[in-house]
Amino acid sequence: MTSREVPFLVQSAAYWLAYHRHNKCWKCTSTGFCPMVVAARSRIWAWRRYRALNGRWL
């Protein structure tokens, strides 16, 4: 993997967020909370933090 490639798990997290903009999954609650969305957002933020700290040297 080169320094500009995005890992598969981060790509799938972005897809999951895009899916939830218009649809609901089987884990969504009646209040609109979805643990999968929370996990996807956390994964994307962690990747952004990693890239911000280590991206220059990769």
PDB file of N, CA and C in Angstrom:
ATOM      1  N   MET A   1       0.847  -1.181   0.000  1.00  0.00           N
ATOM      2  CA  MET A   1       0.000   0.000   0.000  1.00  0.00           C
ATOM      3  C   MET A   1       0.890   1.241   0.000  1.00  0.00           C
ATOM      4  N   THR A   2       0.615   2.139  -0.907  1.00  0.00           N
ATOM      5  CA  THR A   2       1.369   3.384  -0.957  1.00  0.00           C
ATOM      6  C   THR A   2       0.790   4.364   0.059  1.00  0.00           C
ATOM      7  N   SER A   3       1.448   5.474   0.237  1.00  0.00           N
ATOM      8  CA  SER A   3       1.033   6.434   1.257  1.00  0.00           C
ATOM      9  C   SER A   3      -0.276   7.135   0.918  1.00  0.00           C
ATOM     10  N   ARG A   4      -0.705   7.118  -0.339  1.00  0.00           N
ATOM     11  CA  ARG A   4      -1.920   7.823  -0.732  1.00  0.00           C
ATOM     12  C   ARG A   4      -3.149   6.918  -0.788  1.00  0.00           C
ATOM     13  N   GLU A   5      -2.971   5.624  -0.627  1.00  0.00           N
ATOM     14  CA  GLU A   5      -4.096   4.706  -0.675  1.00  0.00           C
ATOM     15  C   GLU A   5      -4.853   4.720   0.649  1.00  0.00           C
ATOM     16  N   VAL A   6      -6.143   4.562   0.549  1.00  0.00           N
ATOM     17  CA  VAL A   6      -6.988   4.506   1.734  1.00  0.00           C
ATOM     18  C   VAL A   6      -7.271   3.038   2.025  1.00  0.00           C
ATOM     19  N   PRO A   7      -7.113   2.610   3.281  1.00  0.00           N
ATOM     20  CA  PRO A   7      -7.361   1.203   3.610  1.00  0.00           C
ATOM     21  C   PRO A   7      -8.813   0.799   3.324  1.00  0.00           C
ATOM     22  N   PHE A   8      -9.000  -0.491   3.080  1.00  0.00           N
ATOM     23  CA  PHE A   8     -10.319  -1.011   2.753  1.00  0.00           C
ATOM     24  C   PHE A   8     -11.328  -0.736   3.866  1.00  0.00           C
ATOM     25  N   LEU A   9     -10.936  -0.875   5.118  1.00  0.00           N
ATOM     26  CA  LEU A   9     -11.872  -0.647   6.224  1.00  0.00           C
ATOM     27  C   LEU A   9     -12.345   0.799   6.284  1.00  0.00           C
ATOM     28  N   VAL A  10     -11.491   1.721   5.921  1.00  0.00           N
ATOM     29  CA  VAL A  10     -11.889   3.128   5.900  1.00  0.00           C
ATOM     30  C   VAL A  10     -12.813   3.388   4.703  1.00  0.00           C
ATOM     31  N   GLN A  11     -12.534   2.773   3.583  1.00  0.00           N
ATOM     32  CA  GLN A  11     -13.425   2.899   2.424  1.00  0.00           C
ATOM     33  C   GLN A  11     -14.802   2.320   2.724  1.00  0.00           C
ATOM     34  N   SER A  12     -14.840   1.171   3.381  1.00  0.00           N
ATOM     35  CA  SER A  12     -16.132   0.574   3.704  1.00  0.00           C
ATOM     36  C   SER A  12     -16.877   1.402   4.740  1.00  0.00           C
ATOM     37  N   ALA A  13     -16.171   2.060   5.643  1.00  0.00           N
ATOM     38  CA  ALA A  13     -16.821   2.948   6.612  1.00  0.00           C
ATOM     39  C   ALA A  13     -17.446   4.142   5.902  1.00  0.00           C
ATOM     40  N   ALA A  14     -16.769   4.680   4.912  1.00  0.00           N
ATOM     41  CA  ALA A  14     -17.336   5.793   4.147  1.00  0.00           C
ATOM     42  C   ALA A  14     -18.568   5.340   3.371  1.00  0.00           C
ATOM     43  N   TYR A  15     -18.523   4.133   2.818  1.00  0.00           N
ATOM     44  CA  TYR A  15     -19.689   3.593   2.122  1.00  0.00           C
ATOM     45  C   TYR A  15     -20.858   3.421   3.091  1.00  0.00           C
ATOM     46  N   TRP A  16     -20.568   2.948   4.282  1.00  0.00           N
ATOM     47  CA  TRP A  16     -21.617   2.739   5.280  1.00  0.00           C
ATOM     48  C   TRP A  16     -22.291   4.059   5.651  1.00  0.00           C
ATOM     49  N   LEU A  17     -21.521   5.116   5.794  1.00  0.00           N
ATOM     50  CA  LEU A  17     -22.110   6.427   6.088  1.00  0.00           C
ATOM     51  C   LEU A  17     -22.940   6.928   4.922  1.00  0.00           C
ATOM     52  N   ALA A  18     -22.471   6.715   3.707  1.00  0.00           N
ATOM     53  CA  ALA A  18     -23.233   7.131   2.532  1.00  0.00           C
ATOM     54  C   ALA A  18     -24.545   6.357   2.437  1.00  0.00           C
ATOM     55  N   TYR A  19     -24.520   5.087   2.761  1.00  0.00           N
ATOM     56  CA  TYR A  19     -25.733   4.265   2.747  1.00  0.00           C
ATOM     57  C   TYR A  19     -26.747   4.790   3.762  1.00  0.00           C
ATOM     58  N   HIS A  20     -26.273   5.186   4.925  1.00  0.00           N
ATOM     59  CA  HIS A  20     -27.169   5.628   5.990  1.00  0.00           C
ATOM     60  C   HIS A  20     -27.732   7.030   5.783  1.00  0.00           C
ATOM     61  N   ARG A  21     -27.271   7.729   4.802  1.00  0.00           N
ATOM     62  CA  ARG A  21     -27.870   9.041   4.510  1.00  0.00           C
ATOM     63  C   ARG A  21     -29.294   8.886   4.007  1.00  0.00           C
ATOM     64  N   HIS A  22     -29.595   7.756   3.345  1.00  0.00           N
ATOM     65  CA  HIS A  22     -30.906   7.571   2.727  1.00  0.00           C
ATOM     66  C   HIS A  22     -31.638   6.313   3.182  1.00  0.00           C
ATOM     67  N   ASN A  23     -30.954   5.385   3.841  1.00  0.00           N
ATOM     68  CA  ASN A  23     -31.542   4.096   4.197  1.00  0.00           C
ATOM     69  C   ASN A  23     -31.299   3.779   5.668  1.00  0.00           C
ATOM     70  N   LYS A  24     -31.971   2.740   6.138  1.00  0.00           N
ATOM     71  CA  LYS A  24     -31.744   2.217   7.478  1.00  0.00           C
ATOM     72  C   LYS A  24     -31.286   0.773   7.358  1.00  0.00           C
ATOM     73  N   CYS A  25     -30.478   0.347   8.299  1.00  0.00           N
ATOM     74  CA  CYS A  25     -30.037  -1.042   8.327  1.00  0.00           C
ATOM     75  C   CYS A  25     -30.794  -1.783   9.425  1.00  0.00           C
ATOM     76  N   TRP A  26     -30.466  -3.040   9.618  1.00  0.00           N
ATOM     77  CA  TRP A  26     -31.152  -3.851  10.617  1.00  0.00           C
ATOM     78  C   TRP A  26     -30.723  -3.511  12.046  1.00  0.00           C
ATOM     79  N   LYS A  27     -29.662  -2.761  12.219  1.00  0.00           N
ATOM     80  CA  LYS A  27     -29.220  -2.375  13.557  1.00  0.00           C
ATOM     81  C   LYS A  27     -29.723  -0.999  13.985  1.00  0.00           C
ATOM     82  N   CYS A  28     -30.336  -0.256  13.081  1.00  0.00           N
ATOM     83  CA  CYS A  28     -30.838   1.077  13.404  1.00  0.00           C
ATOM     84  C   CYS A  28     -31.999   0.976  14.396  1.00  0.00           C
ATOM     85  N   THR A  29     -32.010   1.875  15.363  1.00  0.00           N
ATOM     86  CA  THR A  29     -33.103   1.905  16.326  1.00  0.00           C
ATOM     87  C   THR A  29     -34.187   2.852  15.847  1.00  0.00           C
ATOM     88  N   SER A  30     -35.298   2.842  16.556  1.00  0.00           N
ATOM     89  CA  SER A  30     -36.409   3.719  16.171  1.00  0.00           C
ATOM     90  C   SER A  30     -36.067   5.194  16.395  1.00  0.00           C
ATOM     91  N   THR A  31     -35.089   5.487  17.246  1.00  0.00           N
ATOM     92  CA  THR A  31     -34.682   6.869  17.492  1.00  0.00           C
ATOM     93  C   THR A  31     -33.685   7.377  16.462  1.00  0.00           C
ATOM     94  N   GLY A  32     -33.216   6.490  15.581  1.00  0.00           N
ATOM     95  CA  GLY A  32     -32.267   6.894  14.558  1.00  0.00           C
ATOM     96  C   GLY A  32     -30.825   6.585  14.900  1.00  0.00           C
ATOM     97  N   PHE A  33     -30.576   6.019  16.070  1.00  0.00           N
ATOM     98  CA  PHE A  33     -29.213   5.668  16.474  1.00  0.00           C
ATOM     99  C   PHE A  33     -28.798   4.361  15.808  1.00  0.00           C
ATOM    100  N   CYS A  34     -27.578   4.317  15.333  1.00  0.00           N
ATOM    101  CA  CYS A  34     -27.041   3.096  14.738  1.00  0.00           C
ATOM    102  C   CYS A  34     -25.599   2.911  15.211  1.00  0.00           C
ATOM    103  N   PRO A  35     -25.299   1.803  15.876  1.00  0.00           N
ATOM    104  CA  PRO A  35     -23.927   1.572  16.332  1.00  0.00           C
ATOM    105  C   PRO A  35     -22.937   1.405  15.181  1.00  0.00           C
ATOM    106  N   MET A  36     -23.417   0.975  14.036  1.00  0.00           N
ATOM    107  CA  MET A  36     -22.532   0.827  12.878  1.00  0.00           C
ATOM    108  C   MET A  36     -22.070   2.190  12.365  1.00  0.00           C
ATOM    109  N   VAL A  37     -22.934   3.182  12.433  1.00  0.00           N
ATOM    110  CA  VAL A  37     -22.567   4.541  12.016  1.00  0.00           C
ATOM    111  C   VAL A  37     -21.544   5.120  12.980  1.00  0.00           C
ATOM    112  N   VAL A  38     -21.744   4.878  14.266  1.00  0.00           N
ATOM    113  CA  VAL A  38     -20.791   5.365  15.268  1.00  0.00           C
ATOM    114  C   VAL A  38     -19.417   4.743  15.027  1.00  0.00           C
ATOM    115  N   ALA A  39     -19.381   3.453  14.758  1.00  0.00           N
ATOM    116  CA  ALA A  39     -18.112   2.772  14.495  1.00  0.00           C
ATOM    117  C   ALA A  39     -17.466   3.288  13.208  1.00  0.00           C
ATOM    118  N   ALA A  40     -18.270   3.529  12.194  1.00  0.00           N
ATOM    119  CA  ALA A  40     -17.732   4.039  10.924  1.00  0.00           C
ATOM    120  C   ALA A  40     -17.135   5.428  11.102  1.00  0.00           C
ATOM    121  N   ARG A  41     -17.838   6.285  11.811  1.00  0.00           N
ATOM    122  CA  ARG A  41     -17.302   7.633  12.061  1.00  0.00           C
ATOM    123  C   ARG A  41     -16.009   7.573  12.859  1.00  0.00           C
ATOM    124  N   SER A  42     -15.964   6.713  13.858  1.00  0.00           N
ATOM    125  CA  SER A  42     -14.751   6.575  14.665  1.00  0.00           C
ATOM    126  C   SER A  42     -13.583   6.088  13.828  1.00  0.00           C
ATOM    127  N   ARG A  43     -13.840   5.144  12.933  1.00  0.00           N
ATOM    128  CA  ARG A  43     -12.773   4.612  12.084  1.00  0.00           C
ATOM    129  C   ARG A  43     -12.233   5.689  11.147  1.00  0.00           C
ATOM    130  N   ILE A  44     -13.127   6.484  10.573  1.00  0.00           N
ATOM    131  CA  ILE A  44     -12.692   7.544   9.661  1.00  0.00           C
ATOM    132  C   ILE A  44     -11.912   8.610  10.415  1.00  0.00           C
ATOM    133  N   TRP A  45     -12.369   8.998  11.597  1.00  0.00           N
ATOM    134  CA  TRP A  45     -11.644   9.996  12.391  1.00  0.00           C
ATOM    135  C   TRP A  45     -10.273   9.483  12.814  1.00  0.00           C
ATOM    136  N   ALA A  46     -10.193   8.198  13.177  1.00  0.00           N
ATOM    137  CA  ALA A  46      -8.898   7.626  13.553  1.00  0.00           C
ATOM    138  C   ALA A  46      -7.937   7.648  12.368  1.00  0.00           C
ATOM    139  N   TRP A  47      -8.438   7.342  11.179  1.00  0.00           N
ATOM    140  CA  TRP A  47      -7.594   7.385   9.980  1.00  0.00           C
ATOM    141  C   TRP A  47      -7.129   8.802   9.699  1.00  0.00           C
ATOM    142  N   ARG A  48      -8.012   9.773   9.863  1.00  0.00           N
ATOM    143  CA  ARG A  48      -7.622  11.173   9.648  1.00  0.00           C
ATOM    144  C   ARG A  48      -6.563  11.615  10.651  1.00  0.00           C
ATOM    145  N   ARG A  49      -6.713  11.205  11.906  1.00  0.00           N
ATOM    146  CA  ARG A  49      -5.698  11.544  12.915  1.00  0.00           C
ATOM    147  C   ARG A  49      -4.369  10.899  12.566  1.00  0.00           C
ATOM    148  N   TYR A  50      -4.415   9.642  12.166  1.00  0.00           N
ATOM    149  CA  TYR A  50      -3.192   8.936  11.787  1.00  0.00           C
ATOM    150  C   TYR A  50      -2.499   9.631  10.618  1.00  0.00           C
ATOM    151  N   ARG A  51      -3.275   9.996   9.592  1.00  0.00           N
ATOM    152  CA  ARG A  51      -2.698  10.657   8.435  1.00  0.00           C
ATOM    153  C   ARG A  51      -2.142  12.037   8.795  1.00  0.00           C
ATOM    154  N   ALA A  52      -2.815  12.729   9.700  1.00  0.00           N
ATOM    155  CA  ALA A  52      -2.348  14.058  10.097  1.00  0.00           C
ATOM    156  C   ALA A  52      -1.009  13.956  10.839  1.00  0.00           C
ATOM    157  N   LEU A  53      -0.848  12.912  11.644  1.00  0.00           N
ATOM    158  CA  LEU A  53       0.372  12.769  12.420  1.00  0.00           C
ATOM    159  C   LEU A  53       1.503  12.103  11.649  1.00  0.00           C
ATOM    160  N   ASN A  54       1.165  11.128  10.804  1.00  0.00           N
ATOM    161  CA  ASN A  54       2.198  10.319  10.154  1.00  0.00           C
ATOM    162  C   ASN A  54       2.197  10.421   8.641  1.00  0.00           C
ATOM    163  N   GLY A  55       1.302  11.148   8.073  1.00  0.00           N
ATOM    164  CA  GLY A  55       1.149  11.164   6.633  1.00  0.00           C
ATOM    165  C   GLY A  55       2.311  11.770   5.878  1.00  0.00           C
ATOM    166  N   ARG A  56       3.015  12.684   6.495  1.00  0.00           N
ATOM    167  CA  ARG A  56       4.115  13.355   5.799  1.00  0.00           C
ATOM    168  C   ARG A  56       5.293  12.423   5.542  1.00  0.00           C
ATOM    169  N   TRP A  57       5.479  11.426   6.396  1.00  0.00           N
ATOM    170  CA  TRP A  57       6.666  10.588   6.314  1.00  0.00           C
ATOM    171  C   TRP A  57       6.410   9.244   5.643  1.00  0.00           C
ATOM    172  N   LEU A  58       5.184   8.989   5.226  1.00  0.00           N
ATOM    173  CA  LEU A  58       4.909   7.687   4.602  1.00  0.00           C
ATOM    174  C   LEU A  58       5.283   7.692   3.144  1.00  0.00           C
TER     175      LEU A  58
END
